[in-house]
């Protein structure tokens, strides 16, 4: 029974949704992937325009509107943030203890907590969380091949400089596609080793690192085998780069893209109005 509980602890990895497409039929799903990618990039840029409580409240509100528009459960987006929450929290702590300015509440050696540090720590936490959330909106509502097509379109001007845009888009789409596969394989290996008595949860940091080390070799071998199988499959289907290739899906802009563009223009307008100069 205890072993079953320990195996269930690893189910967190199976809930990681980075790179996973979740089928749906909401407004966001009906958007052109090029529009979604462009608005996602511009939205991340807009996050850095916020510099006071009002502007952060505005952009947070618009981010949650985008989440609601997907029609997916809140748990999906929490699973997107959860694996990185520790890193976000650590980055915020660095801002809290090392940023100086304003009223100093506490000071010891090289550490201090000031009003400026508290403010920046909160803003950094919100900023990174919003970036992950809006990126999750993009990845869960867009298939990897659609993301590749959108990236290819976005990078097309670089073809003037002989940049292999099609190959770059293909590599990125394959990477996105195999992130969840890699997590699933890691979970299988961990569960197999747990059944043989391995414990990944007890002990200090060094002990846990040593326990995880045996996972790396079979995971690397599996990744290499998958890459070889994929390259063989592509070659057997006659893939020779982008030359002369046509698209199975023809991308078309729709009214949903215009609605989203108006949504983004309104967001930027509000940020510019309430932004502190």
C-alpha atoms as a PDB file:
ATOM      1  CA  UNK A   1       0.000   0.000   0.000  1.00  0.00           C
ATOM      2  CA  UNK A   2       2.840   2.355   0.880  1.00  0.00           C
ATOM      3  CA  UNK A   3       4.546   1.542  -2.415  1.00  0.00           C
ATOM      4  CA  UNK A   4       1.351   2.390  -4.303  1.00  0.00           C
ATOM      5  CA  UNK A   5       1.167   5.749  -2.543  1.00  0.00           C
ATOM      6  CA  UNK A   6       4.752   6.527  -3.479  1.00  0.00           C
ATOM      7  CA  UNK A   7       4.068   5.651  -7.093  1.00  0.00           C
ATOM      8  CA  UNK A   8       1.041   7.936  -7.074  1.00  0.00           C
ATOM      9  CA  UNK A   9       3.248  10.804  -5.963  1.00  0.00           C
ATOM     10  CA  UNK A  10       4.906  10.633  -9.369  1.00  0.00           C
ATOM     11  CA  UNK A  11       1.555  11.276 -11.050  1.00  0.00           C
ATOM     12  CA  UNK A  12       2.372  14.982 -10.837  1.00  0.00           C
ATOM     13  CA  UNK A  13       4.692  14.539 -13.801  1.00  0.00           C
ATOM     14  CA  UNK A  14       1.845  13.049 -15.846  1.00  0.00           C
ATOM     15  CA  UNK A  15      -0.165  16.210 -15.166  1.00  0.00           C
ATOM     16  CA  UNK A  16       2.480  18.528 -16.619  1.00  0.00           C
ATOM     17  CA  UNK A  17       0.885  20.089 -19.672  1.00  0.00           C
ATOM     18  CA  UNK A  18       3.865  21.851 -21.256  1.00  0.00           C
ATOM     19  CA  UNK A  19       3.639  21.061 -24.977  1.00  0.00           C
ATOM     20  CA  UNK A  20       0.346  19.165 -24.660  1.00  0.00           C
ATOM     21  CA  UNK A  21      -2.543  19.992 -26.975  1.00  0.00           C
ATOM     22  CA  UNK A  22      -5.992  19.667 -25.380  1.00  0.00           C
ATOM     23  CA  UNK A  23      -8.847  19.422 -27.931  1.00  0.00           C
ATOM     24  CA  UNK A  24     -11.611  22.011 -27.640  1.00  0.00           C
ATOM     25  CA  UNK A  25     -14.072  24.133 -29.605  1.00  0.00           C
ATOM     26  CA  UNK A  26     -13.979  27.573 -28.007  1.00  0.00           C
ATOM     27  CA  UNK A  27     -13.206  30.942 -29.589  1.00  0.00           C
ATOM     28  CA  UNK A  28      -9.467  30.581 -28.958  1.00  0.00           C
ATOM     29  CA  UNK A  29      -9.362  27.238 -30.798  1.00  0.00           C
ATOM     30  CA  UNK A  30     -10.991  28.839 -33.855  1.00  0.00           C
ATOM     31  CA  UNK A  31      -8.281  31.466 -34.190  1.00  0.00           C
ATOM     32  CA  UNK A  32      -5.609  31.254 -36.856  1.00  0.00           C
ATOM     33  CA  UNK A  33      -2.404  29.884 -35.214  1.00  0.00           C
ATOM     34  CA  UNK A  34      -0.447  32.785 -36.730  1.00  0.00           C
ATOM     35  CA  UNK A  35      -2.732  35.241 -34.954  1.00  0.00           C
ATOM     36  CA  UNK A  36      -2.435  33.329 -31.681  1.00  0.00           C
ATOM     37  CA  UNK A  37       1.355  33.231 -31.842  1.00  0.00           C
ATOM     38  CA  UNK A  38       1.638  36.901 -32.766  1.00  0.00           C
ATOM     39  CA  UNK A  39      -0.769  38.016 -30.030  1.00  0.00           C
ATOM     40  CA  UNK A  40       0.984  35.764 -27.480  1.00  0.00           C
ATOM     41  CA  UNK A  41       4.351  37.387 -28.262  1.00  0.00           C
ATOM     42  CA  UNK A  42       2.835  40.876 -28.153  1.00  0.00           C
ATOM     43  CA  UNK A  43       1.003  40.042 -24.916  1.00  0.00           C
ATOM     44  CA  UNK A  44       4.292  39.023 -23.281  1.00  0.00           C
ATOM     45  CA  UNK A  45       5.762  42.333 -24.487  1.00  0.00           C
ATOM     46  CA  UNK A  46       2.744  44.146 -23.002  1.00  0.00           C
ATOM     47  CA  UNK A  47       3.372  42.476 -19.626  1.00  0.00           C
ATOM     48  CA  UNK A  48       6.635  44.411 -19.416  1.00  0.00           C
ATOM     49  CA  UNK A  49       4.756  47.678 -20.021  1.00  0.00           C
ATOM     50  CA  UNK A  50       3.010  47.292 -16.672  1.00  0.00           C
ATOM     51  CA  UNK A  51       4.799  49.211 -13.926  1.00  0.00           C
ATOM     52  CA  UNK A  52       2.211  49.975 -11.233  1.00  0.00           C
ATOM     53  CA  UNK A  53      -0.647  48.190  -9.414  1.00  0.00           C
ATOM     54  CA  UNK A  54      -3.322  49.469 -11.825  1.00  0.00           C
ATOM     55  CA  UNK A  55      -1.530  48.291 -14.982  1.00  0.00           C
ATOM     56  CA  UNK A  56      -0.733  44.905 -13.415  1.00  0.00           C
ATOM     57  CA  UNK A  57      -4.389  44.543 -12.418  1.00  0.00           C
ATOM     58  CA  UNK A  58      -5.454  45.378 -15.993  1.00  0.00           C
ATOM     59  CA  UNK A  59      -3.131  42.887 -17.670  1.00  0.00           C
ATOM     60  CA  UNK A  60      -3.979  40.183 -15.103  1.00  0.00           C
ATOM     61  CA  UNK A  61      -7.677  40.734 -15.837  1.00  0.00           C
ATOM     62  CA  UNK A  62      -7.088  40.399 -19.592  1.00  0.00           C
ATOM     63  CA  UNK A  63      -4.981  37.274 -19.057  1.00  0.00           C
ATOM     64  CA  UNK A  64      -7.814  35.644 -17.099  1.00  0.00           C
ATOM     65  CA  UNK A  65     -10.247  36.643 -19.856  1.00  0.00           C
ATOM     66  CA  UNK A  66      -8.043  34.737 -22.317  1.00  0.00           C
ATOM     67  CA  UNK A  67      -8.026  31.726 -19.970  1.00  0.00           C
ATOM     68  CA  UNK A  68     -11.823  31.815 -19.664  1.00  0.00           C
ATOM     69  CA  UNK A  69     -12.126  32.091 -23.470  1.00  0.00           C
ATOM     70  CA  UNK A  70     -10.358  28.717 -23.857  1.00  0.00           C
ATOM     71  CA  UNK A  71     -13.225  26.959 -22.077  1.00  0.00           C
ATOM     72  CA  UNK A  72     -10.740  24.766 -20.179  1.00  0.00           C
ATOM     73  CA  UNK A  73     -10.675  24.076 -16.444  1.00  0.00           C
ATOM     74  CA  UNK A  74      -8.507  26.210 -14.174  1.00  0.00           C
ATOM     75  CA  UNK A  75      -6.626  23.045 -13.139  1.00  0.00           C
ATOM     76  CA  UNK A  76      -5.074  22.874 -16.613  1.00  0.00           C
ATOM     77  CA  UNK A  77      -3.401  26.251 -16.179  1.00  0.00           C
ATOM     78  CA  UNK A  78      -2.404  25.538 -12.584  1.00  0.00           C
ATOM     79  CA  UNK A  79      -0.592  22.432 -13.854  1.00  0.00           C
ATOM     80  CA  UNK A  80       1.210  24.714 -16.299  1.00  0.00           C
ATOM     81  CA  UNK A  81       2.412  27.040 -13.536  1.00  0.00           C
ATOM     82  CA  UNK A  82       3.041  24.488 -10.759  1.00  0.00           C
ATOM     83  CA  UNK A  83       6.296  22.926 -12.087  1.00  0.00           C
ATOM     84  CA  UNK A  84       7.899  26.402 -12.253  1.00  0.00           C
ATOM     85  CA  UNK A  85       6.393  27.959  -9.128  1.00  0.00           C
ATOM     86  CA  UNK A  86       9.552  27.235  -7.108  1.00  0.00           C
ATOM     87  CA  UNK A  87      11.774  29.003  -9.655  1.00  0.00           C
ATOM     88  CA  UNK A  88       9.401  31.984  -9.792  1.00  0.00           C
ATOM     89  CA  UNK A  89       9.334  32.183  -5.995  1.00  0.00           C
ATOM     90  CA  UNK A  90      13.145  31.985  -5.803  1.00  0.00           C
ATOM     91  CA  UNK A  91      13.523  34.790  -8.369  1.00  0.00           C
ATOM     92  CA  UNK A  92      11.079  36.904  -6.372  1.00  0.00           C
ATOM     93  CA  UNK A  93      13.074  36.289  -3.182  1.00  0.00           C
ATOM     94  CA  UNK A  94      16.236  37.537  -4.899  1.00  0.00           C
ATOM     95  CA  UNK A  95      14.404  40.747  -5.742  1.00  0.00           C
ATOM     96  CA  UNK A  96      13.091  40.997  -2.190  1.00  0.00           C
ATOM     97  CA  UNK A  97      16.459  40.665  -0.431  1.00  0.00           C
ATOM     98  CA  UNK A  98      18.840  42.330  -2.893  1.00  0.00           C
ATOM     99  CA  UNK A  99      16.895  45.237  -4.410  1.00  0.00           C
ATOM    100  CA  UNK A 100      17.503  48.496  -2.564  1.00  0.00           C
ATOM    101  CA  UNK A 101      15.586  51.743  -2.578  1.00  0.00           C
ATOM    102  CA  UNK A 102      12.720  53.352  -0.752  1.00  0.00           C
ATOM    103  CA  UNK A 103      12.013  52.750   2.918  1.00  0.00           C
ATOM    104  CA  UNK A 104      14.200  50.031   4.494  1.00  0.00           C
ATOM    105  CA  UNK A 105      12.196  47.677   6.748  1.00  0.00           C
ATOM    106  CA  UNK A 106      15.023  45.296   7.678  1.00  0.00           C
ATOM    107  CA  UNK A 107      18.766  45.003   7.019  1.00  0.00           C
ATOM    108  CA  UNK A 108      21.428  42.443   7.895  1.00  0.00           C
ATOM    109  CA  UNK A 109      24.835  42.022   6.237  1.00  0.00           C
ATOM    110  CA  UNK A 110      24.232  42.059   2.452  1.00  0.00           C
ATOM    111  CA  UNK A 111      20.504  41.410   2.799  1.00  0.00           C
ATOM    112  CA  UNK A 112      17.811  44.030   3.153  1.00  0.00           C
ATOM    113  CA  UNK A 113      14.066  44.333   2.724  1.00  0.00           C
ATOM    114  CA  UNK A 114      12.904  47.667   1.397  1.00  0.00           C
ATOM    115  CA  UNK A 115       9.663  49.018  -0.006  1.00  0.00           C
ATOM    116  CA  UNK A 116      11.210  48.966  -3.492  1.00  0.00           C
ATOM    117  CA  UNK A 117      12.326  45.348  -3.049  1.00  0.00           C
ATOM    118  CA  UNK A 118       8.879  44.219  -1.856  1.00  0.00           C
ATOM    119  CA  UNK A 119       7.221  45.962  -4.794  1.00  0.00           C
ATOM    120  CA  UNK A 120       9.609  44.442  -7.339  1.00  0.00           C
ATOM    121  CA  UNK A 121       9.316  40.966  -5.813  1.00  0.00           C
ATOM    122  CA  UNK A 122       5.524  41.084  -6.195  1.00  0.00           C
ATOM    123  CA  UNK A 123       5.766  42.423  -9.743  1.00  0.00           C
ATOM    124  CA  UNK A 124       8.325  39.776 -10.772  1.00  0.00           C
ATOM    125  CA  UNK A 125       6.108  37.013  -9.359  1.00  0.00           C
ATOM    126  CA  UNK A 126       3.043  38.311 -11.229  1.00  0.00           C
ATOM    127  CA  UNK A 127       5.024  38.915 -14.419  1.00  0.00           C
ATOM    128  CA  UNK A 128       6.487  35.418 -14.709  1.00  0.00           C
ATOM    129  CA  UNK A 129       3.190  33.791 -13.717  1.00  0.00           C
ATOM    130  CA  UNK A 130       1.330  35.722 -16.422  1.00  0.00           C
ATOM    131  CA  UNK A 131       3.960  34.800 -19.028  1.00  0.00           C
ATOM    132  CA  UNK A 132       3.539  31.101 -18.205  1.00  0.00           C
ATOM    133  CA  UNK A 133      -0.268  31.360 -18.201  1.00  0.00           C
ATOM    134  CA  UNK A 134      -0.523  33.128 -21.564  1.00  0.00           C
ATOM    135  CA  UNK A 135       2.040  30.715 -23.066  1.00  0.00           C
ATOM    136  CA  UNK A 136      -0.053  27.825 -21.751  1.00  0.00           C
ATOM    137  CA  UNK A 137      -3.115  29.306 -23.464  1.00  0.00           C
ATOM    138  CA  UNK A 138      -1.144  29.162 -26.711  1.00  0.00           C
ATOM    139  CA  UNK A 139       0.246  25.630 -26.369  1.00  0.00           C
ATOM    140  CA  UNK A 140      -2.876  23.832 -25.083  1.00  0.00           C
ATOM    141  CA  UNK A 141      -5.131  25.298 -27.791  1.00  0.00           C
ATOM    142  CA  UNK A 142      -2.765  24.916 -30.759  1.00  0.00           C
ATOM    143  CA  UNK A 143      -1.408  21.703 -32.254  1.00  0.00           C
ATOM    144  CA  UNK A 144       2.398  21.488 -32.586  1.00  0.00           C
ATOM    145  CA  UNK A 145       2.201  21.427 -36.392  1.00  0.00           C
ATOM    146  CA  UNK A 146       0.082  24.579 -36.345  1.00  0.00           C
ATOM    147  CA  UNK A 147       2.640  26.251 -34.076  1.00  0.00           C
ATOM    148  CA  UNK A 148       5.355  25.247 -36.550  1.00  0.00           C
ATOM    149  CA  UNK A 149       3.379  26.758 -39.444  1.00  0.00           C
ATOM    150  CA  UNK A 150       2.837  29.950 -37.441  1.00  0.00           C
ATOM    151  CA  UNK A 151       6.542  30.207 -36.570  1.00  0.00           C
ATOM    152  CA  UNK A 152       7.487  29.607 -40.187  1.00  0.00           C
ATOM    153  CA  UNK A 153       5.186  32.453 -41.254  1.00  0.00           C
ATOM    154  CA  UNK A 154       6.518  34.756 -38.531  1.00  0.00           C
ATOM    155  CA  UNK A 155      10.163  34.054 -39.414  1.00  0.00           C
ATOM    156  CA  UNK A 156       9.616  34.160 -43.187  1.00  0.00           C
ATOM    157  CA  UNK A 157      11.310  37.601 -43.619  1.00  0.00           C
ATOM    158  CA  UNK A 158      14.569  36.006 -42.419  1.00  0.00           C
ATOM    159  CA  UNK A 159      14.678  33.937 -45.619  1.00  0.00           C
ATOM    160  CA  UNK A 160      16.122  37.039 -47.267  1.00  0.00           C
ATOM    161  CA  UNK A 161      19.258  36.428 -45.176  1.00  0.00           C
ATOM    162  CA  UNK A 162      19.335  32.710 -46.130  1.00  0.00           C
ATOM    163  CA  UNK A 163      18.151  31.622 -42.674  1.00  0.00           C
ATOM    164  CA  UNK A 164      16.664  28.062 -42.824  1.00  0.00           C
ATOM    165  CA  UNK A 165      13.297  29.170 -41.455  1.00  0.00           C
ATOM    166  CA  UNK A 166      11.438  25.952 -42.376  1.00  0.00           C
ATOM    167  CA  UNK A 167      13.981  23.748 -40.633  1.00  0.00           C
ATOM    168  CA  UNK A 168      13.962  25.954 -37.523  1.00  0.00           C
ATOM    169  CA  UNK A 169      10.155  25.764 -37.371  1.00  0.00           C
ATOM    170  CA  UNK A 170      10.305  21.971 -37.786  1.00  0.00           C
ATOM    171  CA  UNK A 171      12.855  21.577 -34.973  1.00  0.00           C
ATOM    172  CA  UNK A 172      10.768  23.728 -32.617  1.00  0.00           C
ATOM    173  CA  UNK A 173       7.566  21.820 -33.417  1.00  0.00           C
ATOM    174  CA  UNK A 174       9.294  18.460 -32.819  1.00  0.00           C
ATOM    175  CA  UNK A 175      10.691  19.749 -29.517  1.00  0.00           C
ATOM    176  CA  UNK A 176       7.227  20.898 -28.408  1.00  0.00           C
ATOM    177  CA  UNK A 177       5.721  17.585 -29.448  1.00  0.00           C
ATOM    178  CA  UNK A 178       8.229  15.480 -27.512  1.00  0.00           C
ATOM    179  CA  UNK A 179       8.255  17.437 -24.247  1.00  0.00           C
ATOM    180  CA  UNK A 180       5.160  15.589 -22.896  1.00  0.00           C
ATOM    181  CA  UNK A 181       6.497  12.309 -24.331  1.00  0.00           C
ATOM    182  CA  UNK A 182       9.742  12.828 -22.414  1.00  0.00           C
ATOM    183  CA  UNK A 183       7.842  13.530 -19.187  1.00  0.00           C
ATOM    184  CA  UNK A 184       5.720  10.399 -19.679  1.00  0.00           C
ATOM    185  CA  UNK A 185       8.792   8.247 -20.262  1.00  0.00           C
ATOM    186  CA  UNK A 186      10.468   9.726 -17.165  1.00  0.00           C
ATOM    187  CA  UNK A 187       7.380   8.819 -15.128  1.00  0.00           C
ATOM    188  CA  UNK A 188       7.451   5.229 -16.435  1.00  0.00           C
ATOM    189  CA  UNK A 189      11.131   4.825 -15.544  1.00  0.00           C
ATOM    190  CA  UNK A 190      10.603   6.322 -12.066  1.00  0.00           C
ATOM    191  CA  UNK A 191       7.637   4.019 -11.384  1.00  0.00           C
ATOM    192  CA  UNK A 192       9.633   1.001 -12.598  1.00  0.00           C
ATOM    193  CA  UNK A 193      12.482   1.890 -10.240  1.00  0.00           C
ATOM    194  CA  UNK A 194      10.058   2.554  -7.367  1.00  0.00           C
ATOM    195  CA  UNK A 195       8.705  -0.975  -7.818  1.00  0.00           C
ATOM    196  CA  UNK A 196      12.286  -2.176  -7.284  1.00  0.00           C
ATOM    197  CA  UNK A 197      12.625  -0.221  -4.041  1.00  0.00           C
ATOM    198  CA  UNK A 198      13.977   3.146  -5.210  1.00  0.00           C
ATOM    199  CA  UNK A 199      12.861   6.166  -3.176  1.00  0.00           C
ATOM    200  CA  UNK A 200      12.896   9.607  -4.809  1.00  0.00           C
ATOM    201  CA  UNK A 201      11.155  11.514  -2.018  1.00  0.00           C
ATOM    202  CA  UNK A 202      13.077  10.820   1.193  1.00  0.00           C
ATOM    203  CA  UNK A 203      16.364  12.345   2.325  1.00  0.00           C
ATOM    204  CA  UNK A 204      18.106  15.626   1.646  1.00  0.00           C
ATOM    205  CA  UNK A 205      18.905  17.330  -1.622  1.00  0.00           C
ATOM    206  CA  UNK A 206      22.094  15.318  -2.271  1.00  0.00           C
ATOM    207  CA  UNK A 207      20.374  11.994  -1.556  1.00  0.00           C
ATOM    208  CA  UNK A 208      17.509  12.848  -3.901  1.00  0.00           C
ATOM    209  CA  UNK A 209      19.951  13.890  -6.627  1.00  0.00           C
ATOM    210  CA  UNK A 210      21.751  10.537  -6.295  1.00  0.00           C
ATOM    211  CA  UNK A 211      18.410   8.717  -6.489  1.00  0.00           C
ATOM    212  CA  UNK A 212      17.475  10.546  -9.695  1.00  0.00           C
ATOM    213  CA  UNK A 213      20.871   9.952 -11.376  1.00  0.00           C
ATOM    214  CA  UNK A 214      20.058   6.329 -12.441  1.00  0.00           C
ATOM    215  CA  UNK A 215      17.052   7.665 -14.391  1.00  0.00           C
ATOM    216  CA  UNK A 216      19.213   9.741 -16.723  1.00  0.00           C
ATOM    217  CA  UNK A 217      20.903   6.877 -18.604  1.00  0.00           C
ATOM    218  CA  UNK A 218      17.728   4.992 -19.676  1.00  0.00           C
ATOM    219  CA  UNK A 219      16.024   8.321 -20.390  1.00  0.00           C
ATOM    220  CA  UNK A 220      18.907   9.415 -22.632  1.00  0.00           C
ATOM    221  CA  UNK A 221      18.901   6.062 -24.449  1.00  0.00           C
ATOM    222  CA  UNK A 222      15.133   6.254 -25.001  1.00  0.00           C
ATOM    223  CA  UNK A 223      15.398   9.836 -26.300  1.00  0.00           C
ATOM    224  CA  UNK A 224      18.172   8.831 -28.709  1.00  0.00           C
ATOM    225  CA  UNK A 225      16.187   5.819 -29.965  1.00  0.00           C
ATOM    226  CA  UNK A 226      13.097   7.998 -30.462  1.00  0.00           C
ATOM    227  CA  UNK A 227      15.130  10.557 -32.419  1.00  0.00           C
ATOM    228  CA  UNK A 228      16.572   7.807 -34.658  1.00  0.00           C
ATOM    229  CA  UNK A 229      13.107   6.322 -35.267  1.00  0.00           C
ATOM    230  CA  UNK A 230      11.729   9.766 -36.112  1.00  0.00           C
ATOM    231  CA  UNK A 231      14.538  10.547 -38.567  1.00  0.00           C
ATOM    232  CA  UNK A 232      14.097   7.129 -40.227  1.00  0.00           C
ATOM    233  CA  UNK A 233      10.339   7.702 -40.558  1.00  0.00           C
ATOM    234  CA  UNK A 234      10.884  11.153 -42.086  1.00  0.00           C
ATOM    235  CA  UNK A 235      13.449   9.854 -44.578  1.00  0.00           C
ATOM    236  CA  UNK A 236      11.208   6.919 -45.571  1.00  0.00           C
ATOM    237  CA  UNK A 237       8.457   9.419 -46.362  1.00  0.00           C
ATOM    238  CA  UNK A 238      10.751  11.388 -48.630  1.00  0.00           C
ATOM    239  CA  UNK A 239      11.431  14.414 -46.436  1.00  0.00           C
ATOM    240  CA  UNK A 240      14.296  16.388 -47.961  1.00  0.00           C
ATOM    241  CA  UNK A 241      13.804  19.799 -46.420  1.00  0.00           C
ATOM    242  CA  UNK A 242      11.311  22.486 -47.325  1.00  0.00           C
ATOM    243  CA  UNK A 243      12.049  22.682 -51.058  1.00  0.00           C
ATOM    244  CA  UNK A 244       8.915  22.032 -53.108  1.00  0.00           C
ATOM    245  CA  UNK A 245       6.759  21.147 -50.103  1.00  0.00           C
ATOM    246  CA  UNK A 246       3.096  22.137 -49.975  1.00  0.00           C
ATOM    247  CA  UNK A 247       0.817  22.619 -46.970  1.00  0.00           C
ATOM    248  CA  UNK A 248      -1.961  20.200 -46.046  1.00  0.00           C
ATOM    249  CA  UNK A 249      -3.672  22.895 -43.984  1.00  0.00           C
ATOM    250  CA  UNK A 250      -4.263  26.284 -45.562  1.00  0.00           C
ATOM    251  CA  UNK A 251      -4.234  28.968 -42.873  1.00  0.00           C
ATOM    252  CA  UNK A 252      -6.853  31.697 -43.154  1.00  0.00           C
ATOM    253  CA  UNK A 253      -7.491  34.740 -40.993  1.00  0.00           C
ATOM    254  CA  UNK A 254     -11.002  34.854 -39.517  1.00  0.00           C
ATOM    255  CA  UNK A 255     -13.282  37.151 -37.541  1.00  0.00           C
ATOM    256  CA  UNK A 256     -11.990  35.562 -34.343  1.00  0.00           C
ATOM    257  CA  UNK A 257      -8.534  36.922 -35.107  1.00  0.00           C
ATOM    258  CA  UNK A 258      -9.990  40.411 -35.570  1.00  0.00           C
ATOM    259  CA  UNK A 259     -11.792  40.099 -32.216  1.00  0.00           C
ATOM    260  CA  UNK A 260      -8.535  39.053 -30.540  1.00  0.00           C
ATOM    261  CA  UNK A 261      -6.627  41.878 -32.204  1.00  0.00           C
ATOM    262  CA  UNK A 262      -9.207  44.404 -30.961  1.00  0.00           C
ATOM    263  CA  UNK A 263      -8.888  42.811 -27.501  1.00  0.00           C
ATOM    264  CA  UNK A 264      -5.113  43.318 -27.591  1.00  0.00           C
ATOM    265  CA  UNK A 265      -5.332  46.918 -28.880  1.00  0.00           C
ATOM    266  CA  UNK A 266      -7.708  47.728 -26.002  1.00  0.00           C
ATOM    267  CA  UNK A 267      -5.249  46.164 -23.546  1.00  0.00           C
ATOM    268  CA  UNK A 268      -2.273  48.172 -24.828  1.00  0.00           C
ATOM    269  CA  UNK A 269      -4.359  51.353 -24.875  1.00  0.00           C
ATOM    270  CA  UNK A 270      -5.344  50.906 -21.223  1.00  0.00           C
ATOM    271  CA  UNK A 271      -1.752  50.121 -20.236  1.00  0.00           C
ATOM    272  CA  UNK A 272      -0.454  53.257 -21.952  1.00  0.00           C
ATOM    273  CA  UNK A 273      -3.144  55.391 -20.280  1.00  0.00           C
ATOM    274  CA  UNK A 274      -2.507  54.138 -16.741  1.00  0.00           C
ATOM    275  CA  UNK A 275       1.231  53.477 -17.042  1.00  0.00           C
ATOM    276  CA  UNK A 276       3.495  55.559 -14.798  1.00  0.00           C
ATOM    277  CA  UNK A 277       5.922  57.615 -16.890  1.00  0.00           C
END
